[in-house]
């Protein structure tokens, strides 16, 4: 609903958005394994992930409440992709 609300005519390519969200999740999982190989603790990675997820959702809220921003669909999508990468970081840690 958030993407549809800011798109003129509500014409959002949901298939592309969904595939990008899944790719972001996979990237997050790959980054997690790279972090562990570089001597980052799981607790440290999760602390950074929570901070990054908070920033991503705050950015999404900011974009939704400022209608004069250019390229709102792209910016909001990037915020959601960043959050989904955080979800990808979380899955291997549990």
Protein backbone atom coordinates (compact mmCIF):
# COMPACT_ATOMS: atom_id res chain seq x y z
CA UNK A 1 0.00 0.00 0.00
CA UNK A 2 2.83 2.46 0.69
CA UNK A 3 4.28 2.08 -2.80
CA UNK A 4 0.87 2.32 -4.42
CA UNK A 5 -0.03 5.44 -2.43
CA UNK A 6 2.88 7.49 -3.74
CA UNK A 7 2.75 6.32 -7.36
CA UNK A 8 0.70 8.38 -9.81
CA UNK A 9 -2.04 6.11 -11.10
CA UNK A 10 -0.99 3.38 -8.67
CA UNK A 11 1.00 1.62 -11.38
CA UNK A 12 3.68 -0.21 -9.38
CA UNK A 13 5.66 -3.12 -10.91
CA UNK A 14 4.98 -5.49 -8.01
CA UNK A 15 6.79 -8.43 -9.61
CA UNK A 16 9.99 -6.43 -9.91
CA UNK A 17 9.63 -5.06 -6.39
CA UNK A 18 9.09 -8.56 -4.96
CA UNK A 19 12.12 -9.99 -6.74
CA UNK A 20 14.27 -7.09 -5.54
CA UNK A 21 13.06 -7.62 -1.96
CA UNK A 22 14.06 -11.29 -2.11
CA UNK A 23 17.41 -10.36 -3.63
CA UNK A 24 17.97 -7.86 -0.81
CA UNK A 25 17.27 -10.60 1.72
CA UNK A 26 19.81 -12.86 0.01
CA UNK A 27 22.39 -10.05 -0.02
CA UNK A 28 21.87 -9.57 3.72
CA UNK A 29 22.48 -13.27 4.35
CA UNK A 30 25.63 -13.16 2.24
CA UNK A 31 26.89 -10.10 4.10
CA UNK A 32 26.32 -11.91 7.39
CA UNK A 33 28.59 -14.76 6.35
CA UNK A 34 31.24 -12.26 5.22
CA UNK A 35 31.05 -10.47 8.56
CA UNK A 36 31.56 -13.70 10.48
CA UNK A 37 34.59 -14.57 8.34
CA UNK A 38 36.08 -11.19 9.24
CA UNK A 39 35.92 -11.82 13.01
CA UNK A 40 32.74 -9.84 13.67
CA UNK A 41 30.71 -11.37 16.49
CA UNK A 42 27.07 -12.31 15.98
CA UNK A 43 26.10 -9.85 18.70
CA UNK A 44 28.01 -7.06 16.99
CA UNK A 45 26.46 -7.84 13.63
CA UNK A 46 22.98 -7.85 15.17
CA UNK A 47 23.57 -4.51 16.88
CA UNK A 48 24.57 -2.95 13.58
CA UNK A 49 21.65 -4.63 11.82
CA UNK A 50 19.13 -3.24 14.32
CA UNK A 51 20.54 0.26 13.91
CA UNK A 52 20.45 -0.04 10.12
CA UNK A 53 16.88 -1.40 10.19
CA UNK A 54 15.79 1.51 12.38
CA UNK A 55 17.33 4.01 9.99
CA UNK A 56 15.71 2.29 6.99
CA UNK A 57 12.23 2.42 8.52
CA UNK A 58 12.70 6.00 9.70
CA UNK A 59 13.77 6.92 6.18
CA UNK A 60 10.67 5.23 4.76
CA UNK A 61 8.44 7.19 7.17
CA UNK A 62 10.19 10.43 6.23
CA UNK A 63 9.71 9.76 2.52
CA UNK A 64 6.03 8.94 2.98
CA UNK A 65 5.34 12.19 4.86
CA UNK A 66 7.19 14.54 2.48
CA UNK A 67 5.27 14.60 -0.81
CA UNK A 68 7.54 17.15 -2.49
CA UNK A 69 10.56 14.85 -2.62
CA UNK A 70 11.55 13.90 -6.16
CA UNK A 71 11.68 10.18 -7.08
CA UNK A 72 9.68 9.13 -4.01
CA UNK A 73 8.99 5.66 -5.42
CA UNK A 74 12.69 4.99 -5.93
CA UNK A 75 13.68 6.34 -2.53
CA UNK A 76 10.95 4.43 -0.71
CA UNK A 77 11.86 1.25 -2.56
CA UNK A 78 15.51 1.66 -1.56
CA UNK A 79 14.51 2.14 2.08
CA UNK A 80 12.45 -1.06 1.96
CA UNK A 81 15.30 -2.92 0.23
CA UNK A 82 17.69 -1.81 2.96
CA UNK A 83 15.26 -3.05 5.61
CA UNK A 84 14.89 -6.37 3.80
CA UNK A 85 18.69 -6.72 3.72
CA UNK A 86 18.53 -6.36 7.51
CA UNK A 87 15.98 -9.18 7.59
CA UNK A 88 18.47 -11.23 5.56
CA UNK A 89 21.16 -10.50 8.14
CA UNK A 90 18.83 -11.61 10.92
CA UNK A 91 17.82 -15.01 9.51
CA UNK A 92 21.25 -16.71 9.74
CA UNK A 93 21.78 -15.34 13.22
CA UNK A 94 18.77 -17.05 14.79
